[in-house]
Amino acid sequence: MVAVGCVLAAGVAGCAEPQTTPRAAAHLTIGGASHAARPPACSQVQSFRTIDIPDRDGQVEAVVLLSAARAIPQWVKIRNVDGFTGSFWQGGVGDARVDVANSAYTITGRAYGINNSNPNKVVTTDFKITAEC
């Protein structure tokens, strides 16, 4: 009887472990320079999907509004990726669009900011972010 209880407890404990599927690496292209980044951390609050991508020395964070059959980028913040720090804000600076296919988000656009090579000059830089959430 004790042996059956131990086997049953071990079986239940084994089933309780979460099953995770590793996310694919995110891909970033900033100002024409492309590279793979770590897998994104994705979360959603109401209709807002947040995509957070850590990079070697920086970070990219984006928020997308999911509304019916549309996805609308709200903002993208790029911090020290290939020396560029800048942002896009819906209704503000820069421009962007997002395409969603299955669970892959592709956000393309232009961000305003500065580059480490000339920090006294504001520049516009093209970006493309591909992340699976």
N, C-alpha and C. Protein backbone atom coordinates (compact mmCIF):
# COMPACT_ATOMS: atom_id res chain seq x y z
N MET A 1 0.82 -1.19 0.00
CA MET A 1 0.00 0.00 0.00
C MET A 1 0.87 1.26 0.00
N VAL A 2 1.93 1.26 0.82
CA VAL A 2 2.83 2.40 0.86
C VAL A 2 3.53 2.57 -0.48
N ALA A 3 3.91 1.45 -1.12
CA ALA A 3 4.58 1.51 -2.42
C ALA A 3 3.67 2.11 -3.47
N VAL A 4 2.39 1.74 -3.46
CA VAL A 4 1.42 2.29 -4.42
C VAL A 4 1.28 3.80 -4.21
N GLY A 5 1.24 4.23 -2.95
CA GLY A 5 1.14 5.66 -2.64
C GLY A 5 2.35 6.42 -3.14
N CYS A 6 3.55 5.84 -3.00
CA CYS A 6 4.77 6.51 -3.46
C CYS A 6 4.78 6.63 -4.99
N VAL A 7 4.38 5.54 -5.67
CA VAL A 7 4.34 5.57 -7.13
C VAL A 7 3.31 6.59 -7.61
N LEU A 8 2.15 6.61 -6.98
CA LEU A 8 1.11 7.56 -7.34
C LEU A 8 1.57 8.99 -7.11
N ALA A 9 2.22 9.25 -5.98
CA ALA A 9 2.72 10.59 -5.66
C ALA A 9 3.79 11.01 -6.67
N ALA A 10 4.67 10.09 -7.04
CA ALA A 10 5.72 10.41 -8.01
C ALA A 10 5.10 10.72 -9.37
N GLY A 11 4.07 9.96 -9.76
CA GLY A 11 3.41 10.20 -11.04
C GLY A 11 2.72 11.54 -11.09
N VAL A 12 2.04 11.91 -10.02
CA VAL A 12 1.35 13.20 -9.95
C VAL A 12 2.35 14.33 -9.96
N ALA A 13 3.45 14.19 -9.22
CA ALA A 13 4.46 15.24 -9.18
C ALA A 13 5.08 15.43 -10.56
N GLY A 14 5.31 14.33 -11.28
CA GLY A 14 5.88 14.43 -12.62
C GLY A 14 4.95 15.14 -13.58
N CYS A 15 3.66 14.95 -13.42
CA CYS A 15 2.68 15.61 -14.30
C CYS A 15 2.53 17.09 -13.97
N ALA A 16 2.87 17.48 -12.75
CA ALA A 16 2.68 18.86 -12.33
C ALA A 16 3.77 19.78 -12.85
N GLU A 17 4.87 19.24 -13.36
CA GLU A 17 5.95 20.09 -13.85
C GLU A 17 5.51 20.78 -15.13
N PRO A 18 5.78 22.09 -15.24
CA PRO A 18 5.35 22.81 -16.44
C PRO A 18 6.14 22.36 -17.66
N GLN A 19 5.46 22.27 -18.77
CA GLN A 19 6.10 21.95 -20.04
C GLN A 19 6.35 23.26 -20.76
N THR A 20 7.59 23.52 -21.14
CA THR A 20 7.90 24.76 -21.83
C THR A 20 8.51 24.45 -23.19
N THR A 21 8.20 25.27 -24.14
CA THR A 21 8.80 25.18 -25.46
C THR A 21 9.71 26.38 -25.62
N PRO A 22 10.99 26.16 -25.91
CA PRO A 22 11.90 27.30 -26.04
C PRO A 22 11.47 28.22 -27.19
N ARG A 23 11.54 29.51 -26.94
CA ARG A 23 11.22 30.48 -27.98
C ARG A 23 12.43 30.60 -28.91
N ALA A 24 12.14 30.96 -30.15
CA ALA A 24 13.20 31.22 -31.11
C ALA A 24 13.85 32.56 -30.79
N ALA A 25 15.08 32.70 -31.20
CA ALA A 25 15.79 33.97 -31.00
C ALA A 25 15.08 35.07 -31.78
N ALA A 26 15.11 36.26 -31.24
CA ALA A 26 14.57 37.42 -31.96
C ALA A 26 15.61 37.88 -32.97
N HIS A 27 15.17 38.57 -33.99
CA HIS A 27 16.09 39.13 -34.99
C HIS A 27 15.89 40.63 -35.02
N LEU A 28 17.00 41.35 -34.96
CA LEU A 28 16.98 42.81 -34.96
C LEU A 28 17.79 43.33 -36.14
N THR A 29 17.28 44.32 -36.81
CA THR A 29 18.04 45.06 -37.81
C THR A 29 17.89 46.53 -37.45
N ILE A 30 19.00 47.14 -37.09
CA ILE A 30 19.01 48.55 -36.70
C ILE A 30 19.98 49.27 -37.62
N GLY A 31 19.48 50.22 -38.40
CA GLY A 31 20.35 50.97 -39.29
C GLY A 31 21.09 50.10 -40.29
N GLY A 32 20.49 49.00 -40.73
CA GLY A 32 21.10 48.13 -41.72
C GLY A 32 21.94 47.00 -41.14
N ALA A 33 22.30 47.07 -39.87
CA ALA A 33 23.09 46.00 -39.23
C ALA A 33 22.12 44.99 -38.61
N SER A 34 22.25 43.74 -39.03
CA SER A 34 21.31 42.70 -38.59
C SER A 34 22.01 41.68 -37.71
N HIS A 35 21.31 41.22 -36.68
CA HIS A 35 21.85 40.15 -35.85
C HIS A 35 20.74 39.48 -35.04
N ALA A 36 21.04 38.28 -34.58
CA ALA A 36 20.09 37.55 -33.73
C ALA A 36 20.28 38.02 -32.29
N ALA A 37 19.19 38.10 -31.57
CA ALA A 37 19.22 38.49 -30.16
C ALA A 37 18.67 37.32 -29.34
N ARG A 38 18.66 37.49 -28.06
CA ARG A 38 18.08 36.46 -27.19
C ARG A 38 16.59 36.33 -27.46
N PRO A 39 16.00 35.21 -27.06
CA PRO A 39 14.55 35.07 -27.22
C PRO A 39 13.81 36.17 -26.45
N PRO A 40 12.69 36.63 -26.98
CA PRO A 40 11.96 37.72 -26.34
C PRO A 40 11.18 37.25 -25.12
N ALA A 41 10.93 38.19 -24.23
CA ALA A 41 9.98 37.97 -23.13
C ALA A 41 8.70 38.69 -23.56
N CYS A 42 7.61 37.96 -23.65
CA CYS A 42 6.36 38.53 -24.14
C CYS A 42 5.31 38.47 -23.04
N SER A 43 4.52 39.52 -22.96
CA SER A 43 3.42 39.54 -21.99
C SER A 43 2.25 40.29 -22.62
N GLN A 44 1.08 40.11 -22.04
CA GLN A 44 -0.09 40.82 -22.55
C GLN A 44 -0.96 41.26 -21.39
N VAL A 45 -1.36 42.54 -21.42
CA VAL A 45 -2.31 43.10 -20.47
C VAL A 45 -3.44 43.68 -21.31
N GLN A 46 -4.63 43.14 -21.13
CA GLN A 46 -5.79 43.50 -21.94
C GLN A 46 -5.44 43.34 -23.41
N SER A 47 -5.52 44.38 -24.21
CA SER A 47 -5.24 44.27 -25.64
C SER A 47 -3.83 44.69 -26.02
N PHE A 48 -2.97 44.91 -25.04
CA PHE A 48 -1.62 45.39 -25.30
C PHE A 48 -0.60 44.27 -25.13
N ARG A 49 0.11 43.94 -26.22
CA ARG A 49 1.17 42.93 -26.20
C ARG A 49 2.50 43.65 -26.04
N THR A 50 3.28 43.27 -25.04
CA THR A 50 4.61 43.83 -24.82
C THR A 50 5.64 42.80 -25.23
N ILE A 51 6.61 43.24 -26.00
CA ILE A 51 7.71 42.39 -26.46
C ILE A 51 8.99 43.02 -25.94
N ASP A 52 9.73 42.29 -25.14
CA ASP A 52 10.96 42.78 -24.52
C ASP A 52 12.11 41.89 -24.99
N ILE A 53 13.08 42.48 -25.69
CA ILE A 53 14.19 41.72 -26.25
C ILE A 53 15.50 42.23 -25.67
N PRO A 54 16.15 41.44 -24.83
CA PRO A 54 17.47 41.84 -24.33
C PRO A 54 18.52 41.62 -25.43
N ASP A 55 19.45 42.54 -25.54
CA ASP A 55 20.54 42.42 -26.50
C ASP A 55 21.84 42.41 -25.72
N ARG A 56 22.96 42.23 -26.40
CA ARG A 56 24.25 42.15 -25.71
C ARG A 56 24.41 43.23 -24.65
N ASP A 57 24.41 44.47 -25.06
CA ASP A 57 24.59 45.58 -24.13
C ASP A 57 23.36 46.47 -24.05
N GLY A 58 22.30 46.11 -24.73
CA GLY A 58 21.14 46.98 -24.78
C GLY A 58 19.84 46.22 -24.68
N GLN A 59 18.79 46.84 -25.23
CA GLN A 59 17.45 46.27 -25.10
C GLN A 59 16.53 46.91 -26.13
N VAL A 60 15.55 46.14 -26.58
CA VAL A 60 14.48 46.67 -27.42
C VAL A 60 13.17 46.28 -26.74
N GLU A 61 12.28 47.26 -26.61
CA GLU A 61 10.97 46.99 -26.03
C GLU A 61 9.92 47.60 -26.95
N ALA A 62 8.88 46.82 -27.23
CA ALA A 62 7.81 47.29 -28.12
C ALA A 62 6.46 46.93 -27.52
N VAL A 63 5.48 47.79 -27.77
CA VAL A 63 4.10 47.53 -27.35
C VAL A 63 3.22 47.63 -28.58
N VAL A 64 2.38 46.59 -28.77
CA VAL A 64 1.48 46.51 -29.91
C VAL A 64 0.05 46.39 -29.38
N LEU A 65 -0.85 47.21 -29.92
CA LEU A 65 -2.27 47.13 -29.59
C LEU A 65 -2.92 46.13 -30.53
N LEU A 66 -3.53 45.09 -29.97
CA LEU A 66 -4.24 44.08 -30.75
C LEU A 66 -5.71 44.43 -30.72
N SER A 67 -6.25 44.86 -31.85
CA SER A 67 -7.62 45.34 -31.93
C SER A 67 -8.33 44.65 -33.08
N ALA A 68 -9.27 43.77 -32.76
CA ALA A 68 -10.01 42.98 -33.76
C ALA A 68 -9.02 42.29 -34.69
N ALA A 69 -9.06 42.59 -35.97
CA ALA A 69 -8.16 41.95 -36.92
C ALA A 69 -6.93 42.79 -37.21
N ARG A 70 -6.72 43.84 -36.42
CA ARG A 70 -5.59 44.74 -36.66
C ARG A 70 -4.59 44.68 -35.52
N ALA A 71 -3.35 44.95 -35.86
CA ALA A 71 -2.29 45.13 -34.87
C ALA A 71 -1.68 46.50 -35.12
N ILE A 72 -1.64 47.33 -34.08
CA ILE A 72 -1.19 48.71 -34.22
C ILE A 72 -0.02 48.94 -33.28
N PRO A 73 1.18 49.26 -33.82
CA PRO A 73 2.31 49.53 -32.94
C PRO A 73 2.07 50.81 -32.14
N GLN A 74 2.30 50.74 -30.83
CA GLN A 74 2.11 51.91 -29.97
C GLN A 74 3.43 52.63 -29.72
N TRP A 75 4.47 51.88 -29.42
CA TRP A 75 5.80 52.46 -29.27
C TRP A 75 6.87 51.38 -29.34
N VAL A 76 8.05 51.82 -29.72
CA VAL A 76 9.24 50.97 -29.76
C VAL A 76 10.35 51.78 -29.12
N LYS A 77 11.03 51.19 -28.14
CA LYS A 77 12.18 51.84 -27.50
C LYS A 77 13.41 50.97 -27.76
N ILE A 78 14.44 51.59 -28.32
CA ILE A 78 15.69 50.91 -28.62
C ILE A 78 16.76 51.54 -27.74
N ARG A 79 17.43 50.72 -26.94
CA ARG A 79 18.46 51.26 -26.04
C ARG A 79 19.79 50.58 -26.32
N ASN A 80 20.72 51.34 -26.86
CA ASN A 80 22.10 50.93 -27.07
C ASN A 80 22.22 49.63 -27.87
N VAL A 81 21.55 49.56 -29.01
CA VAL A 81 21.72 48.43 -29.92
C VAL A 81 22.56 48.92 -31.09
N ASP A 82 23.73 48.33 -31.26
CA ASP A 82 24.70 48.77 -32.27
C ASP A 82 25.00 50.26 -32.12
N GLY A 83 25.00 50.75 -30.88
CA GLY A 83 25.33 52.14 -30.60
C GLY A 83 24.18 53.11 -30.77
N PHE A 84 22.99 52.63 -31.14
CA PHE A 84 21.84 53.51 -31.36
C PHE A 84 20.89 53.44 -30.17
N THR A 85 20.41 54.60 -29.75
CA THR A 85 19.37 54.71 -28.73
C THR A 85 18.30 55.66 -29.28
N GLY A 86 17.07 55.16 -29.38
CA GLY A 86 16.01 55.99 -29.93
C GLY A 86 14.65 55.34 -29.77
N SER A 87 13.64 55.96 -30.38
CA SER A 87 12.29 55.44 -30.18
C SER A 87 11.34 55.86 -31.30
N PHE A 88 10.24 55.14 -31.35
CA PHE A 88 9.08 55.46 -32.15
C PHE A 88 7.92 55.55 -31.17
N TRP A 89 7.04 56.54 -31.36
CA TRP A 89 5.82 56.68 -30.53
C TRP A 89 4.66 56.94 -31.46
N GLN A 90 3.60 56.15 -31.36
CA GLN A 90 2.39 56.34 -32.16
C GLN A 90 1.86 57.76 -31.95
N GLY A 91 1.68 58.50 -33.04
CA GLY A 91 1.19 59.87 -32.94
C GLY A 91 2.26 60.85 -32.53
N GLY A 92 3.50 60.40 -32.41
CA GLY A 92 4.60 61.26 -31.99
C GLY A 92 5.75 61.16 -32.98
N VAL A 93 6.89 60.69 -32.51
CA VAL A 93 8.08 60.61 -33.35
C VAL A 93 8.18 59.27 -34.05
N GLY A 94 8.78 59.30 -35.24
CA GLY A 94 9.01 58.08 -36.00
C GLY A 94 7.73 57.54 -36.61
N ASP A 95 7.87 56.39 -37.24
CA ASP A 95 6.71 55.69 -37.78
C ASP A 95 7.00 54.20 -37.75
N ALA A 96 5.94 53.41 -37.73
CA ALA A 96 6.12 51.95 -37.68
C ALA A 96 4.86 51.25 -38.14
N ARG A 97 5.02 50.00 -38.52
CA ARG A 97 3.90 49.12 -38.84
C ARG A 97 4.25 47.75 -38.28
N VAL A 98 3.23 46.95 -38.05
CA VAL A 98 3.46 45.60 -37.52
C VAL A 98 2.66 44.60 -38.34
N ASP A 99 3.27 43.47 -38.60
CA ASP A 99 2.61 42.34 -39.24
C ASP A 99 2.66 41.17 -38.27
N VAL A 100 1.54 40.48 -38.11
CA VAL A 100 1.48 39.32 -37.22
C VAL A 100 1.09 38.11 -38.06
N ALA A 101 1.92 37.07 -37.99
CA ALA A 101 1.63 35.81 -38.67
C ALA A 101 1.82 34.70 -37.65
N ASN A 102 0.72 34.01 -37.34
CA ASN A 102 0.72 33.01 -36.26
C ASN A 102 1.16 33.70 -34.98
N SER A 103 2.29 33.35 -34.43
CA SER A 103 2.75 33.99 -33.20
C SER A 103 3.98 34.85 -33.43
N ALA A 104 4.31 35.13 -34.70
CA ALA A 104 5.49 35.94 -35.02
C ALA A 104 5.08 37.38 -35.31
N TYR A 105 5.74 38.30 -34.63
CA TYR A 105 5.51 39.73 -34.80
C TYR A 105 6.69 40.32 -35.57
N THR A 106 6.41 41.05 -36.64
CA THR A 106 7.45 41.76 -37.38
C THR A 106 7.08 43.24 -37.36
N ILE A 107 7.92 44.02 -36.72
CA ILE A 107 7.68 45.46 -36.59
C ILE A 107 8.78 46.17 -37.38
N THR A 108 8.38 47.00 -38.33
CA THR A 108 9.34 47.76 -39.13
C THR A 108 9.00 49.24 -39.03
N GLY A 109 10.02 50.07 -39.17
CA GLY A 109 9.77 51.50 -39.12
C GLY A 109 11.04 52.32 -39.02
N ARG A 110 10.85 53.55 -38.57
CA ARG A 110 11.96 54.49 -38.36
C ARG A 110 11.85 55.05 -36.96
N ALA A 111 12.99 55.12 -36.30
CA ALA A 111 13.05 55.67 -34.95
C ALA A 111 13.96 56.90 -34.95
N TYR A 112 13.64 57.85 -34.09
CA TYR A 112 14.47 59.02 -33.89
C TYR A 112 15.31 58.81 -32.65
N GLY A 113 16.58 59.22 -32.72
CA GLY A 113 17.43 59.06 -31.56
C GLY A 113 18.84 59.54 -31.83
N ILE A 114 19.78 58.96 -31.10
CA ILE A 114 21.19 59.32 -31.24
C ILE A 114 22.03 58.07 -31.41
N ASN A 115 23.19 58.26 -32.02
CA ASN A 115 24.14 57.18 -32.19
C ASN A 115 25.40 57.52 -31.41
N ASN A 116 26.01 56.50 -30.81
CA ASN A 116 27.21 56.74 -29.99
C ASN A 116 28.33 57.39 -30.79
N SER A 117 28.38 57.17 -32.10
CA SER A 117 29.46 57.74 -32.91
C SER A 117 29.34 59.26 -33.04
N ASN A 118 28.14 59.81 -32.90
CA ASN A 118 27.93 61.26 -32.97
C ASN A 118 26.76 61.63 -32.07
N PRO A 119 26.96 61.61 -30.75
CA PRO A 119 25.85 61.79 -29.81
C PRO A 119 25.23 63.18 -29.79
N ASN A 120 25.82 64.14 -30.48
CA ASN A 120 25.26 65.50 -30.49
C ASN A 120 24.30 65.73 -31.65
N LYS A 121 24.08 64.71 -32.47
CA LYS A 121 23.23 64.86 -33.64
C LYS A 121 22.08 63.86 -33.58
N VAL A 122 20.84 64.37 -33.70
CA VAL A 122 19.66 63.51 -33.73
C VAL A 122 19.56 62.91 -35.13
N VAL A 123 19.33 61.60 -35.18
CA VAL A 123 19.25 60.89 -36.46
C VAL A 123 17.96 60.08 -36.54
N THR A 124 17.60 59.74 -37.76
CA THR A 124 16.49 58.82 -38.01
C THR A 124 17.11 57.51 -38.47
N THR A 125 16.72 56.41 -37.85
CA THR A 125 17.30 55.10 -38.17
C THR A 125 16.18 54.11 -38.46
N ASP A 126 16.35 53.34 -39.54
CA ASP A 126 15.39 52.28 -39.86
C ASP A 126 15.60 51.11 -38.92
N PHE A 127 14.50 50.43 -38.58
CA PHE A 127 14.60 49.24 -37.74
C PHE A 127 13.64 48.18 -38.21
N LYS A 128 13.98 46.94 -37.89
CA LYS A 128 13.10 45.80 -38.12
C LYS A 128 13.29 44.84 -36.96
N ILE A 129 12.19 44.46 -36.36
CA ILE A 129 12.20 43.56 -35.21
C ILE A 129 11.32 42.36 -35.57
N THR A 130 11.86 41.16 -35.42
CA THR A 130 11.07 39.95 -35.62
C THR A 130 11.17 39.13 -34.34
N ALA A 131 10.02 38.84 -33.74
CA ALA A 131 10.00 38.12 -32.47
C ALA A 131 8.82 37.16 -32.45
N GLU A 132 9.05 35.99 -31.90
CA GLU A 132 7.98 35.00 -31.75
C GLU A 132 7.50 35.02 -30.31
N CYS A 133 6.20 35.20 -30.13
CA CYS A 133 5.62 35.24 -28.78
C CYS A 133 4.62 34.13 -28.60
